[in-house]
Amino acid sequence: MNSIEQDIILIAGKPGSGKSRLGREMTTALGKYGQSVEHISFGDHIRKIGSGAVASEFREQILSHLNEHPYGLLDDEVIAGILERELARSAATALLFIDGMPRRDTQVSILDTLSGDRSIRGMIITDVNDHAAALRLQKRAHRSERNPVNSDTIQLRLQVHNQTFPAVKKAYEVVGLPIEVIDTSGDKDITTQNGLMAVSWMMTETEDNQQKNAS
């Protein structure tokens, strides 16, 4: 893989589709080869803020949202504030995997504005069916010792994603961003390798497009 400098690759997909797992695995794999790479999981980060594990000025807003609308999306203002701080913290990192953001089309422009000189190289979409995603969400909730899972809430979360994400995907398709859909229902190692191949393709594809536009 070519050297990477100040780049972002998005990892998108429905809740429970394996975004964070893929992000972590690819970060570990690239780190072994000396790449300056980091994974930011918006879902995990928001849950840590809500639990108090991570200090944030947005904790009260997040707690209020989780209590009142556990299946809905956070306000764009909160998402923008968290993103701005995470991008500043990771300013020295060459490649960022960001999963779980943008979740709605209005957040596409937020990311574009706050990313500054970083280039968004592509989007990996993790794919499983709704039933498999719901089972993963139930297992994750039980492992984290949360309150008993409400199956209706899980279904509502999946419905919100299915309603809002197509507009995000369309926004990136319009500008020609490389997009790869990866089935995450199978072997973890194969999924990781597929993700790394997608990263390599995205880096090459966007570099080629930049050279064509410059000529």
C-alpha atoms as a PDB file:
ATOM      1  CA  MET A   1       0.000   0.000   0.000  1.00  0.00           C
ATOM      2  CA  ASN A   2       1.244   3.485  -0.811  1.00  0.00           C
ATOM      3  CA  SER A   3       2.178   5.905   1.970  1.00  0.00           C
ATOM      4  CA  ILE A   4      -0.877   7.507   3.543  1.00  0.00           C
ATOM      5  CA  GLU A   5      -1.056  11.137   4.641  1.00  0.00           C
ATOM      6  CA  GLN A   6      -3.968  12.844   6.396  1.00  0.00           C
ATOM      7  CA  ASP A   7      -6.739  10.676   5.006  1.00  0.00           C
ATOM      8  CA  ILE A   8     -10.158   9.460   6.159  1.00  0.00           C
ATOM      9  CA  ILE A   9     -11.997   6.290   5.235  1.00  0.00           C
ATOM     10  CA  LEU A  10     -15.574   5.987   6.429  1.00  0.00           C
ATOM     11  CA  ILE A  11     -17.087   2.762   7.723  1.00  0.00           C
ATOM     12  CA  ALA A  12     -20.870   2.814   7.453  1.00  0.00           C
ATOM     13  CA  GLY A  13     -23.651   0.321   7.987  1.00  0.00           C
ATOM     14  CA  LYS A  14     -26.654  -0.461  10.132  1.00  0.00           C
ATOM     15  CA  PRO A  15     -26.323  -0.839  13.921  1.00  0.00           C
ATOM     16  CA  GLY A  16     -24.910  -4.264  14.708  1.00  0.00           C
ATOM     17  CA  SER A  17     -23.406  -4.785  11.256  1.00  0.00           C
ATOM     18  CA  GLY A  18     -19.815  -4.979  12.517  1.00  0.00           C
ATOM     19  CA  LYS A  19     -18.528  -1.476  11.741  1.00  0.00           C
ATOM     20  CA  SER A  20     -16.487  -1.125  14.911  1.00  0.00           C
ATOM     21  CA  ARG A  21     -15.085  -4.633  14.781  1.00  0.00           C
ATOM     22  CA  LEU A  22     -13.908  -4.147  11.209  1.00  0.00           C
ATOM     23  CA  GLY A  23     -12.431  -0.752  12.053  1.00  0.00           C
ATOM     24  CA  ARG A  24     -10.500  -2.176  15.006  1.00  0.00           C
ATOM     25  CA  GLU A  25      -9.230  -5.177  13.059  1.00  0.00           C
ATOM     26  CA  MET A  26      -8.033  -3.098  10.095  1.00  0.00           C
ATOM     27  CA  THR A  27      -6.355  -0.601  12.429  1.00  0.00           C
ATOM     28  CA  THR A  28      -4.501  -3.416  14.182  1.00  0.00           C
ATOM     29  CA  ALA A  29      -3.472  -5.006  10.886  1.00  0.00           C
ATOM     30  CA  LEU A  30      -2.154  -1.769   9.367  1.00  0.00           C
ATOM     31  CA  GLY A  31      -0.437  -0.824  12.614  1.00  0.00           C
ATOM     32  CA  LYS A  32       1.652  -3.992  12.398  1.00  0.00           C
ATOM     33  CA  TYR A  33       3.094  -2.656   9.144  1.00  0.00           C
ATOM     34  CA  GLY A  34       4.035   0.651  10.708  1.00  0.00           C
ATOM     35  CA  GLN A  35       1.106   2.665   9.367  1.00  0.00           C
ATOM     36  CA  SER A  36       0.004   5.706  11.378  1.00  0.00           C
ATOM     37  CA  VAL A  37      -3.633   4.740  11.674  1.00  0.00           C
ATOM     38  CA  GLU A  38      -6.487   5.197  14.156  1.00  0.00           C
ATOM     39  CA  HIS A  39     -10.082   4.064  14.436  1.00  0.00           C
ATOM     40  CA  ILE A  40     -12.820   6.339  15.779  1.00  0.00           C
ATOM     41  CA  SER A  41     -16.110   4.630  16.573  1.00  0.00           C
ATOM     42  CA  PHE A  42     -18.816   7.238  17.086  1.00  0.00           C
ATOM     43  CA  GLY A  43     -21.208   4.744  18.646  1.00  0.00           C
ATOM     44  CA  ASP A  44     -18.657   3.484  21.175  1.00  0.00           C
ATOM     45  CA  HIS A  45     -17.461   7.010  21.930  1.00  0.00           C
ATOM     46  CA  ILE A  46     -20.988   8.276  22.570  1.00  0.00           C
ATOM     47  CA  ARG A  47     -21.734   5.311  24.844  1.00  0.00           C
ATOM     48  CA  LYS A  48     -18.531   6.007  26.815  1.00  0.00           C
ATOM     49  CA  ILE A  49     -19.497   9.651  27.211  1.00  0.00           C
ATOM     50  CA  GLY A  50     -22.939   8.610  28.410  1.00  0.00           C
ATOM     51  CA  SER A  51     -21.478   6.186  30.979  1.00  0.00           C
ATOM     52  CA  GLY A  52     -18.960   8.747  32.236  1.00  0.00           C
ATOM     53  CA  ALA A  53     -15.966   6.731  31.016  1.00  0.00           C
ATOM     54  CA  VAL A  54     -15.010   9.674  28.790  1.00  0.00           C
ATOM     55  CA  ALA A  55     -15.324  13.261  29.997  1.00  0.00           C
ATOM     56  CA  SER A  56     -17.292  15.509  27.652  1.00  0.00           C
ATOM     57  CA  GLU A  57     -19.272  18.734  27.775  1.00  0.00           C
ATOM     58  CA  PHE A  58     -21.958  16.914  25.797  1.00  0.00           C
ATOM     59  CA  ARG A  59     -22.677  14.242  28.423  1.00  0.00           C
ATOM     60  CA  GLU A  60     -25.936  15.731  29.697  1.00  0.00           C
ATOM     61  CA  GLN A  61     -27.270  16.148  26.165  1.00  0.00           C
ATOM     62  CA  ILE A  62     -26.332  12.568  25.311  1.00  0.00           C
ATOM     63  CA  LEU A  63     -27.892  11.160  28.487  1.00  0.00           C
ATOM     64  CA  SER A  64     -31.082  13.106  27.872  1.00  0.00           C
ATOM     65  CA  HIS A  65     -31.221  11.844  24.309  1.00  0.00           C
ATOM     66  CA  LEU A  66     -30.560   8.209  25.257  1.00  0.00           C
ATOM     67  CA  ASN A  67     -33.275   8.327  27.916  1.00  0.00           C
ATOM     68  CA  GLU A  68     -35.890   9.989  25.708  1.00  0.00           C
ATOM     69  CA  HIS A  69     -35.017   8.674  22.238  1.00  0.00           C
ATOM     70  CA  PRO A  70     -32.840   5.536  22.554  1.00  0.00           C
ATOM     71  CA  TYR A  71     -33.488   4.638  18.926  1.00  0.00           C
ATOM     72  CA  GLY A  72     -33.110   8.101  17.362  1.00  0.00           C
ATOM     73  CA  LEU A  73     -30.150  10.104  16.083  1.00  0.00           C
ATOM     74  CA  LEU A  74     -28.294  12.710  18.105  1.00  0.00           C
ATOM     75  CA  ASP A  75     -28.595  16.361  17.116  1.00  0.00           C
ATOM     76  CA  ASP A  76     -26.137  17.458  14.448  1.00  0.00           C
ATOM     77  CA  GLU A  77     -24.754  20.112  16.816  1.00  0.00           C
ATOM     78  CA  VAL A  78     -23.632  17.443  19.293  1.00  0.00           C
ATOM     79  CA  ILE A  79     -22.204  15.244  16.556  1.00  0.00           C
ATOM     80  CA  ALA A  80     -20.283  18.205  15.118  1.00  0.00           C
ATOM     81  CA  GLY A  81     -18.842  19.082  18.522  1.00  0.00           C
ATOM     82  CA  ILE A  82     -17.675  15.529  19.187  1.00  0.00           C
ATOM     83  CA  LEU A  83     -16.236  15.190  15.675  1.00  0.00           C
ATOM     84  CA  GLU A  84     -14.334  18.477  15.919  1.00  0.00           C
ATOM     85  CA  ARG A  85     -12.661  17.391  19.156  1.00  0.00           C
ATOM     86  CA  GLU A  86     -11.807  13.919  17.882  1.00  0.00           C
ATOM     87  CA  LEU A  87     -10.282  15.281  14.668  1.00  0.00           C
ATOM     88  CA  ALA A  88      -8.192  17.755  16.650  1.00  0.00           C
ATOM     89  CA  ARG A  89      -7.024  15.025  19.032  1.00  0.00           C
ATOM     90  CA  SER A  90      -5.967  12.761  16.158  1.00  0.00           C
ATOM     91  CA  ALA A  91      -4.402  15.522  14.025  1.00  0.00           C
ATOM     92  CA  ALA A  92      -1.049  13.717  13.843  1.00  0.00           C
ATOM     93  CA  THR A  93      -2.584  10.458  12.605  1.00  0.00           C
ATOM     94  CA  ALA A  94      -2.118   9.778   8.894  1.00  0.00           C
ATOM     95  CA  LEU A  95      -5.188   7.580   8.309  1.00  0.00           C
ATOM     96  CA  LEU A  96      -8.450   7.683  10.238  1.00  0.00           C
ATOM     97  CA  PHE A  97     -11.178   5.076  10.059  1.00  0.00           C
ATOM     98  CA  ILE A  98     -14.383   6.809  11.175  1.00  0.00           C
ATOM     99  CA  ASP A  99     -17.357   4.560  11.767  1.00  0.00           C
ATOM    100  CA  GLY A 100     -20.902   5.576  12.566  1.00  0.00           C
ATOM    101  CA  MET A 101     -20.719   9.067  11.078  1.00  0.00           C
ATOM    102  CA  PRO A 102     -22.285  10.563   8.973  1.00  0.00           C
ATOM    103  CA  ARG A 103     -25.635   8.938   9.751  1.00  0.00           C
ATOM    104  CA  ARG A 104     -27.838  11.459   7.934  1.00  0.00           C
ATOM    105  CA  ASP A 105     -27.259  13.602   4.859  1.00  0.00           C
ATOM    106  CA  THR A 106     -26.906  16.846   6.843  1.00  0.00           C
ATOM    107  CA  GLN A 107     -23.857  15.339   8.548  1.00  0.00           C
ATOM    108  CA  VAL A 108     -22.103  14.850   5.202  1.00  0.00           C
ATOM    109  CA  SER A 109     -21.470  18.583   4.943  1.00  0.00           C
ATOM    110  CA  ILE A 110     -20.468  18.735   8.624  1.00  0.00           C
ATOM    111  CA  LEU A 111     -17.760  16.137   8.038  1.00  0.00           C
ATOM    112  CA  ASP A 112     -16.649  17.834   4.838  1.00  0.00           C
ATOM    113  CA  THR A 113     -16.270  21.167   6.630  1.00  0.00           C
ATOM    114  CA  LEU A 114     -14.540  19.890   9.761  1.00  0.00           C
ATOM    115  CA  SER A 115     -12.179  17.486   7.996  1.00  0.00           C
ATOM    116  CA  GLY A 116     -10.208  20.456   6.671  1.00  0.00           C
ATOM    117  CA  ASP A 117      -7.147  19.330   4.707  1.00  0.00           C
ATOM    118  CA  ARG A 118      -7.888  15.653   5.226  1.00  0.00           C
ATOM    119  CA  SER A 119      -9.118  13.774   2.170  1.00  0.00           C
ATOM    120  CA  ILE A 120     -12.108  11.434   2.440  1.00  0.00           C
ATOM    121  CA  ARG A 121     -10.874   8.514   0.358  1.00  0.00           C
ATOM    122  CA  GLY A 122     -13.831   6.162   0.401  1.00  0.00           C
ATOM    123  CA  MET A 123     -16.619   4.461   2.276  1.00  0.00           C
ATOM    124  CA  ILE A 124     -16.842   0.830   3.347  1.00  0.00           C
ATOM    125  CA  ILE A 125     -20.408  -0.331   4.021  1.00  0.00           C
ATOM    126  CA  THR A 126     -20.697  -3.310   6.361  1.00  0.00           C
ATOM    127  CA  ASP A 127     -23.616  -5.503   5.411  1.00  0.00           C
ATOM    128  CA  VAL A 128     -25.701  -8.076   7.296  1.00  0.00           C
ATOM    129  CA  ASN A 129     -29.438  -8.682   7.304  1.00  0.00           C
ATOM    130  CA  ASP A 130     -31.629  -7.025   9.941  1.00  0.00           C
ATOM    131  CA  HIS A 131     -32.144 -10.257  11.887  1.00  0.00           C
ATOM    132  CA  ALA A 132     -28.403 -10.866  12.292  1.00  0.00           C
ATOM    133  CA  ALA A 133     -27.863  -7.211  13.233  1.00  0.00           C
ATOM    134  CA  ALA A 134     -30.602  -7.403  15.888  1.00  0.00           C
ATOM    135  CA  LEU A 135     -29.028 -10.520  17.430  1.00  0.00           C
ATOM    136  CA  ARG A 136     -25.634  -8.794  17.607  1.00  0.00           C
ATOM    137  CA  LEU A 137     -27.166  -5.754  19.284  1.00  0.00           C
ATOM    138  CA  GLN A 138     -28.825  -7.967  21.884  1.00  0.00           C
ATOM    139  CA  LYS A 139     -25.552  -9.770  22.643  1.00  0.00           C
ATOM    140  CA  ARG A 140     -23.641  -6.491  22.867  1.00  0.00           C
ATOM    141  CA  ALA A 141     -26.149  -5.022  25.289  1.00  0.00           C
ATOM    142  CA  HIS A 142     -25.999  -8.079  27.550  1.00  0.00           C
ATOM    143  CA  ARG A 143     -22.176  -8.114  27.532  1.00  0.00           C
ATOM    144  CA  SER A 144     -22.084  -4.474  28.599  1.00  0.00           C
ATOM    145  CA  GLU A 145     -24.526  -5.222  31.439  1.00  0.00           C
ATOM    146  CA  ARG A 146     -27.062  -2.704  30.251  1.00  0.00           C
ATOM    147  CA  ASN A 147     -30.731  -2.824  31.068  1.00  0.00           C
ATOM    148  CA  PRO A 148     -32.616  -5.697  29.424  1.00  0.00           C
ATOM    149  CA  VAL A 149     -32.825  -5.190  25.685  1.00  0.00           C
ATOM    150  CA  ASN A 150     -36.082  -3.951  24.267  1.00  0.00           C
ATOM    151  CA  SER A 151     -36.561  -5.685  20.903  1.00  0.00           C
ATOM    152  CA  ASP A 152     -38.869  -2.899  19.758  1.00  0.00           C
ATOM    153  CA  THR A 153     -36.133  -0.331  20.357  1.00  0.00           C
ATOM    154  CA  ILE A 154     -33.671  -2.411  18.332  1.00  0.00           C
ATOM    155  CA  GLN A 155     -36.100  -2.630  15.440  1.00  0.00           C
ATOM    156  CA  LEU A 156     -36.675   1.115  15.595  1.00  0.00           C
ATOM    157  CA  ARG A 157     -32.919   1.741  15.473  1.00  0.00           C
ATOM    158  CA  LEU A 158     -32.661  -0.412  12.372  1.00  0.00           C
ATOM    159  CA  GLN A 159     -35.626   1.356  10.794  1.00  0.00           C
ATOM    160  CA  VAL A 160     -34.082   4.778  11.429  1.00  0.00           C
ATOM    161  CA  HIS A 161     -30.881   3.651   9.725  1.00  0.00           C
ATOM    162  CA  ASN A 162     -32.756   2.209   6.759  1.00  0.00           C
ATOM    163  CA  GLN A 163     -34.628   5.505   6.388  1.00  0.00           C
ATOM    164  CA  THR A 164     -31.717   7.940   6.753  1.00  0.00           C
ATOM    165  CA  PHE A 165     -28.621   6.218   5.372  1.00  0.00           C
ATOM    166  CA  PRO A 166     -29.640   5.961   1.678  1.00  0.00           C
ATOM    167  CA  ALA A 167     -29.405   9.767   1.427  1.00  0.00           C
ATOM    168  CA  VAL A 168     -25.865   9.648   2.842  1.00  0.00           C
ATOM    169  CA  LYS A 169     -24.834   6.976   0.352  1.00  0.00           C
ATOM    170  CA  LYS A 170     -26.428   8.937  -2.487  1.00  0.00           C
ATOM    171  CA  ALA A 171     -24.557  12.114  -1.512  1.00  0.00           C
ATOM    172  CA  TYR A 172     -21.227  10.312  -1.788  1.00  0.00           C
ATOM    173  CA  GLU A 173     -22.188   8.478  -4.972  1.00  0.00           C
ATOM    174  CA  VAL A 174     -22.951  11.817  -6.626  1.00  0.00           C
ATOM    175  CA  VAL A 175     -19.399  13.069  -6.024  1.00  0.00           C
ATOM    176  CA  GLY A 176     -17.869   9.760  -7.136  1.00  0.00           C
ATOM    177  CA  LEU A 177     -16.498   8.632  -3.776  1.00  0.00           C
ATOM    178  CA  PRO A 178     -15.278   5.014  -3.945  1.00  0.00           C
ATOM    179  CA  ILE A 179     -17.758   2.806  -2.066  1.00  0.00           C
ATOM    180  CA  GLU A 180     -17.390  -0.883  -1.236  1.00  0.00           C
ATOM    181  CA  VAL A 181     -20.027  -3.111   0.386  1.00  0.00           C
ATOM    182  CA  ILE A 182     -18.556  -5.916   2.522  1.00  0.00           C
ATOM    183  CA  ASP A 183     -20.511  -8.861   3.918  1.00  0.00           C
ATOM    184  CA  THR A 184     -19.596  -9.108   7.603  1.00  0.00           C
ATOM    185  CA  SER A 185     -21.614 -12.220   8.395  1.00  0.00           C
ATOM    186  CA  GLY A 186     -18.762 -14.636   7.709  1.00  0.00           C
ATOM    187  CA  ASP A 187     -15.243 -15.339   8.959  1.00  0.00           C
ATOM    188  CA  LYS A 188     -13.675 -12.382  10.786  1.00  0.00           C
ATOM    189  CA  ASP A 189     -10.241 -12.756   9.176  1.00  0.00           C
ATOM    190  CA  ILE A 190     -11.703 -12.913   5.667  1.00  0.00           C
ATOM    191  CA  THR A 191     -13.841  -9.861   6.424  1.00  0.00           C
ATOM    192  CA  THR A 192     -10.746  -7.978   7.590  1.00  0.00           C
ATOM    193  CA  GLN A 193      -8.819  -8.924   4.461  1.00  0.00           C
ATOM    194  CA  ASN A 194     -11.701  -7.787   2.288  1.00  0.00           C
ATOM    195  CA  GLY A 195     -11.700  -4.501   4.167  1.00  0.00           C
ATOM    196  CA  LEU A 196      -7.965  -4.009   3.671  1.00  0.00           C
ATOM    197  CA  MET A 197      -8.284  -4.719  -0.044  1.00  0.00           C
ATOM    198  CA  ALA A 198     -11.040  -2.109  -0.214  1.00  0.00           C
ATOM    199  CA  VAL A 199      -8.783   0.410   1.541  1.00  0.00           C
ATOM    200  CA  SER A 200      -5.984  -0.241  -0.925  1.00  0.00           C
ATOM    201  CA  TRP A 201      -8.365   0.194  -3.870  1.00  0.00           C
ATOM    202  CA  MET A 202      -9.808   3.404  -2.432  1.00  0.00           C
ATOM    203  CA  MET A 203      -6.397   4.954  -1.914  1.00  0.00           C
ATOM    204  CA  THR A 204      -5.363   4.124  -5.470  1.00  0.00           C
ATOM    205  CA  GLU A 205      -8.690   5.177  -6.997  1.00  0.00           C
ATOM    206  CA  THR A 206      -8.780   8.606  -5.366  1.00  0.00           C
ATOM    207  CA  GLU A 207      -5.101   9.248  -6.124  1.00  0.00           C
ATOM    208  CA  ASP A 208      -5.750   8.444  -9.800  1.00  0.00           C
ATOM    209  CA  ASN A 209      -8.754  10.799  -9.844  1.00  0.00           C
ATOM    210  CA  GLN A 210      -6.719  13.582  -8.268  1.00  0.00           C
ATOM    211  CA  GLN A 211      -3.998  13.188 -10.906  1.00  0.00           C
ATOM    212  CA  LYS A 212      -6.592  13.279 -13.707  1.00  0.00           C
ATOM    213  CA  ASN A 213      -8.184  16.423 -12.288  1.00  0.00           C
ATOM    214  CA  ALA A 214      -4.791  18.103 -11.956  1.00  0.00           C
ATOM    215  CA  SER A 215      -3.770  17.358 -15.547  1.00  0.00           C
END
